[in-house]
């Protein structure tokens, strides 16, 4: 095929493949889909402190919720536990210390 030159594309609209669906309200989002049979939902327990040591985690309120299935912590993650957008320097689930609110 013919190679496009930057001067042929600059300043021209570049349509997103789902753009028409989004602007017309026809796009289907995850929240628009009905739940599947036996579908599980996850709720994360996150830190309310900007920097803190984890002394304990009280899971009693979670376990009291009707339909409760499991409470997962860093101990349940097998194998590689570090994540990050560029540098993998954050634990999937904090084990000893949090470094930001919402972690």
PDB file of N, CA and C in Angstrom:
ATOM      1  N   UNK A   1       0.815  -1.195   0.000  1.00  0.00           N
ATOM      2  CA  UNK A   1       0.000   0.000   0.000  1.00  0.00           C
ATOM      3  C   UNK A   1       0.846   1.240   0.000  1.00  0.00           C
ATOM      4  N   UNK A   2       0.181   2.319  -0.159  1.00  0.00           N
ATOM      5  CA  UNK A   2       0.841   3.615  -0.194  1.00  0.00           C
ATOM      6  C   UNK A   2       1.134   4.097   1.225  1.00  0.00           C
ATOM      7  N   UNK A   3       2.336   4.606   1.471  1.00  0.00           N
ATOM      8  CA  UNK A   3       2.699   5.094   2.789  1.00  0.00           C
ATOM      9  C   UNK A   3       2.110   6.479   2.989  1.00  0.00           C
ATOM     10  N   UNK A   4       1.488   6.681   4.169  1.00  0.00           N
ATOM     11  CA  UNK A   4       0.924   7.991   4.490  1.00  0.00           C
ATOM     12  C   UNK A   4       2.021   8.908   5.007  1.00  0.00           C
ATOM     13  N   UNK A   5       1.961  10.140   4.594  1.00  0.00           N
ATOM     14  CA  UNK A   5       2.922  11.135   5.056  1.00  0.00           C
ATOM     15  C   UNK A   5       2.248  11.955   6.150  1.00  0.00           C
ATOM     16  N   UNK A   6       3.011  12.421   7.151  1.00  0.00           N
ATOM     17  CA  UNK A   6       2.407  13.210   8.232  1.00  0.00           C
ATOM     18  C   UNK A   6       1.609  14.401   7.726  1.00  0.00           C
ATOM     19  N   UNK A   7       2.110  15.051   6.687  1.00  0.00           N
ATOM     20  CA  UNK A   7       1.395  16.236   6.185  1.00  0.00           C
ATOM     21  C   UNK A   7       0.043  15.880   5.552  1.00  0.00           C
ATOM     22  N   UNK A   8      -0.151  14.610   5.204  1.00  0.00           N
ATOM     23  CA  UNK A   8      -1.436  14.176   4.659  1.00  0.00           C
ATOM     24  C   UNK A   8      -2.462  13.920   5.756  1.00  0.00           C
ATOM     25  N   UNK A   9      -2.008  13.728   7.006  1.00  0.00           N
ATOM     26  CA  UNK A   9      -2.895  13.354   8.109  1.00  0.00           C
ATOM     27  C   UNK A   9      -3.108  14.463   9.131  1.00  0.00           C
ATOM     28  N   UNK A  10      -2.138  15.326   9.333  1.00  0.00           N
ATOM     29  CA  UNK A  10      -2.226  16.371  10.345  1.00  0.00           C
ATOM     30  C   UNK A  10      -3.395  17.295  10.045  1.00  0.00           C
ATOM     31  N   UNK A  11      -4.199  17.545  11.075  1.00  0.00           N
ATOM     32  CA  UNK A  11      -5.338  18.449  10.931  1.00  0.00           C
ATOM     33  C   UNK A  11      -6.596  17.785  10.408  1.00  0.00           C
ATOM     34  N   UNK A  12      -6.539  16.501  10.123  1.00  0.00           N
ATOM     35  CA  UNK A  12      -7.718  15.782   9.635  1.00  0.00           C
ATOM     36  C   UNK A  12      -8.294  14.927  10.765  1.00  0.00           C
ATOM     37  N   UNK A  13      -9.613  14.758  10.780  1.00  0.00           N
ATOM     38  CA  UNK A  13     -10.218  13.940  11.848  1.00  0.00           C
ATOM     39  C   UNK A  13      -9.750  12.488  11.777  1.00  0.00           C
ATOM     40  N   UNK A  14      -9.551  11.917  12.935  1.00  0.00           N
ATOM     41  CA  UNK A  14      -9.168  10.521  13.052  1.00  0.00           C
ATOM     42  C   UNK A  14     -10.257   9.852  13.878  1.00  0.00           C
ATOM     43  N   UNK A  15     -11.215   9.233  13.230  1.00  0.00           N
ATOM     44  CA  UNK A  15     -12.370   8.683  13.927  1.00  0.00           C
ATOM     45  C   UNK A  15     -12.014   7.418  14.701  1.00  0.00           C
ATOM     46  N   UNK A  16     -12.510   7.364  15.928  1.00  0.00           N
ATOM     47  CA  UNK A  16     -12.340   6.175  16.758  1.00  0.00           C
ATOM     48  C   UNK A  16     -13.306   5.117  16.261  1.00  0.00           C
ATOM     49  N   UNK A  17     -12.872   3.847  16.260  1.00  0.00           N
ATOM     50  CA  UNK A  17     -13.708   2.786  15.698  1.00  0.00           C
ATOM     51  C   UNK A  17     -15.066   2.656  16.400  1.00  0.00           C
ATOM     52  N   UNK A  18     -15.184   3.049  17.679  1.00  0.00           N
ATOM     53  CA  UNK A  18     -16.462   2.939  18.386  1.00  0.00           C
ATOM     54  C   UNK A  18     -17.085   4.314  18.635  1.00  0.00           C
ATOM     55  N   UNK A  19     -16.508   5.341  18.031  1.00  0.00           N
ATOM     56  CA  UNK A  19     -16.980   6.707  18.266  1.00  0.00           C
ATOM     57  C   UNK A  19     -18.460   6.905  18.004  1.00  0.00           C
ATOM     58  N   UNK A  20     -18.959   6.409  16.888  1.00  0.00           N
ATOM     59  CA  UNK A  20     -20.390   6.568  16.557  1.00  0.00           C
ATOM     60  C   UNK A  20     -21.276   5.906  17.606  1.00  0.00           C
ATOM     61  N   UNK A  21     -20.870   4.740  18.089  1.00  0.00           N
ATOM     62  CA  UNK A  21     -21.648   4.050  19.120  1.00  0.00           C
ATOM     63  C   UNK A  21     -21.663   4.856  20.413  1.00  0.00           C
ATOM     64  N   UNK A  22     -20.536   5.463  20.765  1.00  0.00           N
ATOM     65  CA  UNK A  22     -20.458   6.247  21.996  1.00  0.00           C
ATOM     66  C   UNK A  22     -21.344   7.485  21.916  1.00  0.00           C
ATOM     67  N   UNK A  23     -21.211   8.266  20.858  1.00  0.00           N
ATOM     68  CA  UNK A  23     -21.948   9.530  20.781  1.00  0.00           C
ATOM     69  C   UNK A  23     -23.429   9.335  20.514  1.00  0.00           C
ATOM     70  N   UNK A  24     -23.819   8.175  19.986  1.00  0.00           N
ATOM     71  CA  UNK A  24     -25.238   7.924  19.718  1.00  0.00           C
ATOM     72  C   UNK A  24     -25.937   7.230  20.882  1.00  0.00           C
ATOM     73  N   UNK A  25     -25.157   6.847  21.917  1.00  0.00           N
ATOM     74  CA  UNK A  25     -25.750   6.158  23.057  1.00  0.00           C
ATOM     75  C   UNK A  25     -25.970   4.675  22.818  1.00  0.00           C
ATOM     76  N   UNK A  26     -25.452   4.136  21.728  1.00  0.00           N
ATOM     77  CA  UNK A  26     -25.659   2.724  21.398  1.00  0.00           C
ATOM     78  C   UNK A  26     -24.545   1.816  21.933  1.00  0.00           C
ATOM     79  N   UNK A  27     -23.467   2.406  22.433  1.00  0.00           N
ATOM     80  CA  UNK A  27     -22.359   1.586  22.956  1.00  0.00           C
ATOM     81  C   UNK A  27     -22.839   0.823  24.184  1.00  0.00           C
ATOM     82  N   UNK A  28     -22.416  -0.425  24.306  1.00  0.00           N
ATOM     83  CA  UNK A  28     -22.780  -1.225  25.465  1.00  0.00           C
ATOM     84  C   UNK A  28     -21.593  -1.268  26.420  1.00  0.00           C
ATOM     85  N   UNK A  29     -21.854  -0.862  27.642  1.00  0.00           N
ATOM     86  CA  UNK A  29     -20.828  -0.856  28.674  1.00  0.00           C
ATOM     87  C   UNK A  29     -21.094  -2.005  29.637  1.00  0.00           C
ATOM     88  N   UNK A  30     -20.072  -2.349  30.402  1.00  0.00           N
ATOM     89  CA  UNK A  30     -20.184  -3.451  31.346  1.00  0.00           C
ATOM     90  C   UNK A  30     -21.382  -3.282  32.283  1.00  0.00           C
ATOM     91  N   UNK A  31     -21.588  -2.069  32.768  1.00  0.00           N
ATOM     92  CA  UNK A  31     -22.719  -1.828  33.682  1.00  0.00           C
ATOM     93  C   UNK A  31     -24.069  -1.958  32.992  1.00  0.00           C
ATOM     94  N   UNK A  32     -24.098  -1.947  31.666  1.00  0.00           N
ATOM     95  CA  UNK A  32     -25.346  -2.101  30.922  1.00  0.00           C
ATOM     96  C   UNK A  32     -25.738  -3.568  30.761  1.00  0.00           C
ATOM     97  N   UNK A  33     -24.788  -4.461  30.996  1.00  0.00           N
ATOM     98  CA  UNK A  33     -25.033  -5.887  30.754  1.00  0.00           C
ATOM     99  C   UNK A  33     -25.675  -6.540  31.968  1.00  0.00           C
ATOM    100  N   UNK A  34     -26.630  -7.451  31.732  1.00  0.00           N
ATOM    101  CA  UNK A  34     -27.247  -8.137  32.867  1.00  0.00           C
ATOM    102  C   UNK A  34     -26.223  -9.066  33.524  1.00  0.00           C
ATOM    103  N   UNK A  35     -26.355  -9.287  34.838  1.00  0.00           N
ATOM    104  CA  UNK A  35     -25.407 -10.183  35.501  1.00  0.00           C
ATOM    105  C   UNK A  35     -25.548 -11.620  34.995  1.00  0.00           C
ATOM    106  N   UNK A  36     -24.457 -12.332  35.006  1.00  0.00           N
ATOM    107  CA  UNK A  36     -24.462 -13.739  34.618  1.00  0.00           C
ATOM    108  C   UNK A  36     -24.929 -14.582  35.807  1.00  0.00           C
ATOM    109  N   UNK A  37     -25.445 -15.772  35.564  1.00  0.00           N
ATOM    110  CA  UNK A  37     -25.830 -16.641  36.684  1.00  0.00           C
ATOM    111  C   UNK A  37     -24.612 -16.922  37.572  1.00  0.00           C
ATOM    112  N   UNK A  38     -24.806 -16.861  38.858  1.00  0.00           N
ATOM    113  CA  UNK A  38     -23.759 -17.119  39.857  1.00  0.00           C
ATOM    114  C   UNK A  38     -22.569 -16.162  39.766  1.00  0.00           C
ATOM    115  N   UNK A  39     -22.778 -14.992  39.191  1.00  0.00           N
ATOM    116  CA  UNK A  39     -21.707 -14.012  39.060  1.00  0.00           C
ATOM    117  C   UNK A  39     -21.296 -13.490  40.432  1.00  0.00           C
ATOM    118  N   UNK A  40     -19.991 -13.392  40.673  1.00  0.00           N
ATOM    119  CA  UNK A  40     -19.471 -12.844  41.915  1.00  0.00           C
ATOM    120  C   UNK A  40     -19.106 -11.383  41.732  1.00  0.00           C
ATOM    121  N   UNK A  41     -19.197 -10.626  42.803  1.00  0.00           N
ATOM    122  CA  UNK A  41     -18.788  -9.229  42.808  1.00  0.00           C
ATOM    123  C   UNK A  41     -17.679  -9.064  43.827  1.00  0.00           C
ATOM    124  N   UNK A  42     -16.809  -8.124  43.581  1.00  0.00           N
ATOM    125  CA  UNK A  42     -15.650  -7.898  44.441  1.00  0.00           C
ATOM    126  C   UNK A  42     -15.746  -6.505  45.048  1.00  0.00           C
ATOM    127  N   UNK A  43     -15.403  -6.390  46.291  1.00  0.00           N
ATOM    128  CA  UNK A  43     -15.312  -5.084  46.953  1.00  0.00           C
ATOM    129  C   UNK A  43     -13.926  -4.986  47.562  1.00  0.00           C
ATOM    130  N   UNK A  44     -13.190  -3.944  47.225  1.00  0.00           N
ATOM    131  CA  UNK A  44     -11.838  -3.773  47.753  1.00  0.00           C
ATOM    132  C   UNK A  44     -11.870  -3.013  49.071  1.00  0.00           C
ATOM    133  N   UNK A  45     -11.059  -3.438  50.008  1.00  0.00           N
ATOM    134  CA  UNK A  45     -10.845  -2.700  51.249  1.00  0.00           C
ATOM    135  C   UNK A  45      -9.567  -1.914  51.034  1.00  0.00           C
ATOM    136  N   UNK A  46      -9.678  -0.593  51.053  1.00  0.00           N
ATOM    137  CA  UNK A  46      -8.515   0.243  50.765  1.00  0.00           C
ATOM    138  C   UNK A  46      -8.160   1.111  51.960  1.00  0.00           C
ATOM    139  N   UNK A  47      -6.956   1.605  51.964  1.00  0.00           N
ATOM    140  CA  UNK A  47      -6.461   2.410  53.066  1.00  0.00           C
ATOM    141  C   UNK A  47      -7.106   3.789  53.090  1.00  0.00           C
ATOM    142  N   UNK A  48      -7.410   4.250  54.299  1.00  0.00           N
ATOM    143  CA  UNK A  48      -7.881   5.626  54.492  1.00  0.00           C
ATOM    144  C   UNK A  48      -6.729   6.516  54.950  1.00  0.00           C
ATOM    145  N   UNK A  49      -5.552   5.927  55.077  1.00  0.00           N
ATOM    146  CA  UNK A  49      -4.360   6.654  55.523  1.00  0.00           C
ATOM    147  C   UNK A  49      -3.391   6.835  54.349  1.00  0.00           C
ATOM    148  N   UNK A  50      -2.688   7.967  54.339  1.00  0.00           N
ATOM    149  CA  UNK A  50      -1.748   8.247  53.258  1.00  0.00           C
ATOM    150  C   UNK A  50      -0.460   7.438  53.383  1.00  0.00           C
ATOM    151  N   UNK A  51      -0.077   7.113  54.608  1.00  0.00           N
ATOM    152  CA  UNK A  51       1.122   6.308  54.819  1.00  0.00           C
ATOM    153  C   UNK A  51       0.964   5.644  56.174  1.00  0.00           C
ATOM    154  N   UNK A  52       0.910   4.313  56.176  1.00  0.00           N
ATOM    155  CA  UNK A  52       0.660   3.614  57.439  1.00  0.00           C
ATOM    156  C   UNK A  52       1.132   2.175  57.380  1.00  0.00           C
ATOM    157  N   UNK A  53       1.458   1.651  58.543  1.00  0.00           N
ATOM    158  CA  UNK A  53       1.772   0.229  58.668  1.00  0.00           C
ATOM    159  C   UNK A  53       0.465  -0.522  58.864  1.00  0.00           C
ATOM    160  N   UNK A  54       0.356  -1.686  58.260  1.00  0.00           N
ATOM    161  CA  UNK A  54      -0.832  -2.521  58.430  1.00  0.00           C
ATOM    162  C   UNK A  54      -0.611  -3.377  59.676  1.00  0.00           C
ATOM    163  N   UNK A  55      -1.391  -3.090  60.708  1.00  0.00           N
ATOM    164  CA  UNK A  55      -1.272  -3.849  61.943  1.00  0.00           C
ATOM    165  C   UNK A  55      -2.230  -5.034  61.946  1.00  0.00           C
ATOM    166  N   UNK A  56      -3.409  -4.821  61.379  1.00  0.00           N
ATOM    167  CA  UNK A  56      -4.399  -5.899  61.280  1.00  0.00           C
ATOM    168  C   UNK A  56      -5.464  -5.491  60.267  1.00  0.00           C
ATOM    169  N   UNK A  57      -6.217  -6.480  59.803  1.00  0.00           N
ATOM    170  CA  UNK A  57      -7.347  -6.226  58.897  1.00  0.00           C
ATOM    171  C   UNK A  57      -8.544  -6.954  59.485  1.00  0.00           C
ATOM    172  N   UNK A  58      -9.589  -6.203  59.782  1.00  0.00           N
ATOM    173  CA  UNK A  58     -10.802  -6.789  60.359  1.00  0.00           C
ATOM    174  C   UNK A  58     -11.755  -7.132  59.217  1.00  0.00           C
ATOM    175  N   UNK A  59     -11.941  -8.407  58.972  1.00  0.00           N
ATOM    176  CA  UNK A  59     -12.812  -8.850  57.878  1.00  0.00           C
ATOM    177  C   UNK A  59     -14.205  -9.232  58.366  1.00  0.00           C
ATOM    178  N   UNK A  60     -14.520  -8.981  59.628  1.00  0.00           N
ATOM    179  CA  UNK A  60     -15.795  -9.436  60.204  1.00  0.00           C
ATOM    180  C   UNK A  60     -17.013  -8.818  59.512  1.00  0.00           C
ATOM    181  N   UNK A  61     -16.955  -7.533  59.142  1.00  0.00           N
ATOM    182  CA  UNK A  61     -18.094  -6.909  58.463  1.00  0.00           C
ATOM    183  C   UNK A  61     -18.311  -7.514  57.083  1.00  0.00           C
ATOM    184  N   UNK A  62     -17.232  -7.790  56.382  1.00  0.00           N
ATOM    185  CA  UNK A  62     -17.344  -8.410  55.057  1.00  0.00           C
ATOM    186  C   UNK A  62     -17.962  -9.795  55.179  1.00  0.00           C
ATOM    187  N   UNK A  63     -17.494 -10.547  56.129  1.00  0.00           N
ATOM    188  CA  UNK A  63     -17.983 -11.920  56.306  1.00  0.00           C
ATOM    189  C   UNK A  63     -19.443 -11.969  56.740  1.00  0.00           C
ATOM    190  N   UNK A  64     -19.944 -10.873  57.301  1.00  0.00           N
ATOM    191  CA  UNK A  64     -21.335 -10.812  57.753  1.00  0.00           C
ATOM    192  C   UNK A  64     -22.315 -10.482  56.619  1.00  0.00           C
ATOM    193  N   UNK A  65     -21.827 -10.090  55.470  1.00  0.00           N
ATOM    194  CA  UNK A  65     -22.686  -9.729  54.336  1.00  0.00           C
ATOM    195  C   UNK A  65     -23.313 -10.990  53.741  1.00  0.00           C
ATOM    196  N   UNK A  66     -24.599 -10.926  53.471  1.00  0.00           N
ATOM    197  CA  UNK A  66     -25.300 -12.065  52.876  1.00  0.00           C
ATOM    198  C   UNK A  66     -24.658 -12.431  51.538  1.00  0.00           C
ATOM    199  N   UNK A  67     -24.365 -13.708  51.333  1.00  0.00           N
ATOM    200  CA  UNK A  67     -23.764 -14.168  50.087  1.00  0.00           C
ATOM    201  C   UNK A  67     -22.245 -14.101  50.080  1.00  0.00           C
ATOM    202  N   UNK A  68     -21.638 -13.708  51.197  1.00  0.00           N
ATOM    203  CA  UNK A  68     -20.179 -13.617  51.290  1.00  0.00           C
ATOM    204  C   UNK A  68     -19.546 -14.933  50.852  1.00  0.00           C
ATOM    205  N   UNK A  69     -18.466 -14.850  50.058  1.00  0.00           N
ATOM    206  CA  UNK A  69     -17.785 -16.043  49.564  1.00  0.00           C
ATOM    207  C   UNK A  69     -16.363 -16.150  50.114  1.00  0.00           C
ATOM    208  N   UNK A  70     -15.581 -15.059  50.031  1.00  0.00           N
ATOM    209  CA  UNK A  70     -14.187 -15.157  50.443  1.00  0.00           C
ATOM    210  C   UNK A  70     -13.611 -13.784  50.744  1.00  0.00           C
ATOM    211  N   UNK A  71     -12.574 -13.749  51.533  1.00  0.00           N
ATOM    212  CA  UNK A  71     -11.822 -12.541  51.833  1.00  0.00           C
ATOM    213  C   UNK A  71     -10.387 -12.820  51.405  1.00  0.00           C
ATOM    214  N   UNK A  72      -9.890 -12.101  50.420  1.00  0.00           N
ATOM    215  CA  UNK A  72      -8.591 -12.380  49.809  1.00  0.00           C
ATOM    216  C   UNK A  72      -7.586 -11.321  50.254  1.00  0.00           C
ATOM    217  N   UNK A  73      -6.395 -11.778  50.665  1.00  0.00           N
ATOM    218  CA  UNK A  73      -5.327 -10.864  51.068  1.00  0.00           C
ATOM    219  C   UNK A  73      -4.056 -11.190  50.288  1.00  0.00           C
ATOM    220  N   UNK A  74      -2.992 -10.482  50.612  1.00  0.00           N
ATOM    221  CA  UNK A  74      -1.700 -10.710  49.967  1.00  0.00           C
ATOM    222  C   UNK A  74      -1.236 -12.154  50.126  1.00  0.00           C
ATOM    223  N   UNK A  75      -1.654 -12.804  51.193  1.00  0.00           N
ATOM    224  CA  UNK A  75      -1.235 -14.193  51.436  1.00  0.00           C
ATOM    225  C   UNK A  75      -1.814 -15.152  50.395  1.00  0.00           C
ATOM    226  N   UNK A  76      -2.901 -14.747  49.742  1.00  0.00           N
ATOM    227  CA  UNK A  76      -3.556 -15.604  48.755  1.00  0.00           C
ATOM    228  C   UNK A  76      -2.968 -15.464  47.358  1.00  0.00           C
ATOM    229  N   UNK A  77      -2.158 -14.450  47.129  1.00  0.00           N
ATOM    230  CA  UNK A  77      -1.568 -14.210  45.813  1.00  0.00           C
ATOM    231  C   UNK A  77      -0.325 -15.082  45.668  1.00  0.00           C
ATOM    232  N   UNK A  78      -0.366 -15.973  44.725  1.00  0.00           N
ATOM    233  CA  UNK A  78       0.772 -16.875  44.479  1.00  0.00           C
ATOM    234  C   UNK A  78       1.632 -16.314  43.345  1.00  0.00           C
ATOM    235  N   UNK A  79       2.898 -16.585  43.398  1.00  0.00           N
ATOM    236  CA  UNK A  79       3.781 -16.147  42.316  1.00  0.00           C
ATOM    237  C   UNK A  79       4.113 -14.674  42.405  1.00  0.00           C
ATOM    238  N   UNK A  80       4.195 -14.017  41.251  1.00  0.00           N
ATOM    239  CA  UNK A  80       4.605 -12.615  41.147  1.00  0.00           C
ATOM    240  C   UNK A  80       3.556 -11.714  41.785  1.00  0.00           C
ATOM    241  N   UNK A  81       3.945 -10.908  42.771  1.00  0.00           N
ATOM    242  CA  UNK A  81       3.005 -10.075  43.519  1.00  0.00           C
ATOM    243  C   UNK A  81       3.165  -8.585  43.260  1.00  0.00           C
ATOM    244  N   UNK A  82       4.115  -8.209  42.413  1.00  0.00           N
ATOM    245  CA  UNK A  82       4.388  -6.793  42.180  1.00  0.00           C
ATOM    246  C   UNK A  82       3.769  -6.331  40.861  1.00  0.00           C
ATOM    247  N   UNK A  83       3.158  -5.134  40.893  1.00  0.00           N
ATOM    248  CA  UNK A  83       2.530  -4.558  39.713  1.00  0.00           C
ATOM    249  C   UNK A  83       2.950  -3.099  39.562  1.00  0.00           C
ATOM    250  N   UNK A  84       2.586  -2.502  38.455  1.00  0.00           N
ATOM    251  CA  UNK A  84       2.848  -1.092  38.208  1.00  0.00           C
ATOM    252  C   UNK A  84       2.738  -0.802  36.732  1.00  0.00           C
ATOM    253  N   UNK A  85       2.298   0.398  36.406  1.00  0.00           N
ATOM    254  CA  UNK A  85       2.094   0.773  35.001  1.00  0.00           C
ATOM    255  C   UNK A  85       3.405   0.742  34.214  1.00  0.00           C
ATOM    256  N   UNK A  86       4.464   1.244  34.811  1.00  0.00           N
ATOM    257  CA  UNK A  86       5.756   1.282  34.128  1.00  0.00           C
ATOM    258  C   UNK A  86       6.776   0.447  34.901  1.00  0.00           C
ATOM    259  N   UNK A  87       6.943   0.762  36.167  1.00  0.00           N
ATOM    260  CA  UNK A  87       7.852   0.014  37.035  1.00  0.00           C
ATOM    261  C   UNK A  87       7.001  -0.833  37.979  1.00  0.00           C
ATOM    262  N   UNK A  88       7.266  -2.104  38.026  1.00  0.00           N
ATOM    263  CA  UNK A  88       6.498  -2.999  38.895  1.00  0.00           C
ATOM    264  C   UNK A  88       7.031  -2.875  40.321  1.00  0.00           C
ATOM    265  N   UNK A  89       6.536  -1.841  41.024  1.00  0.00           N
ATOM    266  CA  UNK A  89       7.055  -1.536  42.353  1.00  0.00           C
ATOM    267  C   UNK A  89       5.960  -1.447  43.415  1.00  0.00           C
ATOM    268  N   UNK A  90       4.786  -1.963  43.119  1.00  0.00           N
ATOM    269  CA  UNK A  90       3.683  -1.936  44.085  1.00  0.00           C
ATOM    270  C   UNK A  90       3.078  -3.332  44.206  1.00  0.00           C
ATOM    271  N   UNK A  91       2.809  -3.735  45.438  1.00  0.00           N
ATOM    272  CA  UNK A  91       2.200  -5.045  45.661  1.00  0.00           C
ATOM    273  C   UNK A  91       0.759  -5.068  45.157  1.00  0.00           C
ATOM    274  N   UNK A  92       0.311  -6.203  44.662  1.00  0.00           N
ATOM    275  CA  UNK A  92      -1.091  -6.366  44.255  1.00  0.00           C
ATOM    276  C   UNK A  92      -1.983  -6.036  45.439  1.00  0.00           C
ATOM    277  N   UNK A  93      -1.724  -6.644  46.579  1.00  0.00           N
ATOM    278  CA  UNK A  93      -2.385  -6.329  47.850  1.00  0.00           C
ATOM    279  C   UNK A  93      -1.282  -6.014  48.854  1.00  0.00           C
ATOM    280  N   UNK A  94      -1.347  -4.851  49.476  1.00  0.00           N
ATOM    281  CA  UNK A  94      -0.323  -4.448  50.441  1.00  0.00           C
ATOM    282  C   UNK A  94      -0.226  -5.481  51.562  1.00  0.00           C
ATOM    283  N   UNK A  95       1.010  -5.771  51.978  1.00  0.00           N
ATOM    284  CA  UNK A  95       1.205  -6.788  53.017  1.00  0.00           C
ATOM    285  C   UNK A  95       1.589  -6.182  54.370  1.00  0.00           C
ATOM    286  N   UNK A  96       2.437  -5.175  54.364  1.00  0.00           N
ATOM    287  CA  UNK A  96       2.926  -4.615  55.620  1.00  0.00           C
ATOM    288  C   UNK A  96       2.691  -3.118  55.752  1.00  0.00           C
ATOM    289  N   UNK A  97       2.645  -2.409  54.626  1.00  0.00           N
ATOM    290  CA  UNK A  97       2.601  -0.954  54.676  1.00  0.00           C
ATOM    291  C   UNK A  97       1.874  -0.421  53.443  1.00  0.00           C
ATOM    292  N   UNK A  98       1.130   0.684  53.632  1.00  0.00           N
ATOM    293  CA  UNK A  98       0.513   1.374  52.496  1.00  0.00           C
ATOM    294  C   UNK A  98       1.201   2.724  52.335  1.00  0.00           C
ATOM    295  N   UNK A  99       1.214   3.207  51.102  1.00  0.00           N
ATOM    296  CA  UNK A  99       1.930   4.452  50.811  1.00  0.00           C
ATOM    297  C   UNK A  99       1.012   5.552  50.287  1.00  0.00           C
ATOM    298  N   UNK A 100      -0.291   5.250  50.167  1.00  0.00           N
ATOM    299  CA  UNK A 100      -1.228   6.263  49.701  1.00  0.00           C
ATOM    300  C   UNK A 100      -2.651   5.886  50.103  1.00  0.00           C
ATOM    301  N   UNK A 101      -3.502   6.882  50.198  1.00  0.00           N
ATOM    302  CA  UNK A 101      -4.926   6.616  50.441  1.00  0.00           C
ATOM    303  C   UNK A 101      -5.464   5.844  49.250  1.00  0.00           C
ATOM    304  N   UNK A 102      -6.316   4.874  49.505  1.00  0.00           N
ATOM    305  CA  UNK A 102      -6.909   4.111  48.428  1.00  0.00           C
ATOM    306  C   UNK A 102      -6.077   2.933  47.987  1.00  0.00           C
ATOM    307  N   UNK A 103      -4.921   2.746  48.595  1.00  0.00           N
ATOM    308  CA  UNK A 103      -4.066   1.610  48.246  1.00  0.00           C
ATOM    309  C   UNK A 103      -4.570   0.363  48.943  1.00  0.00           C
TER     310      UNK A 103
END
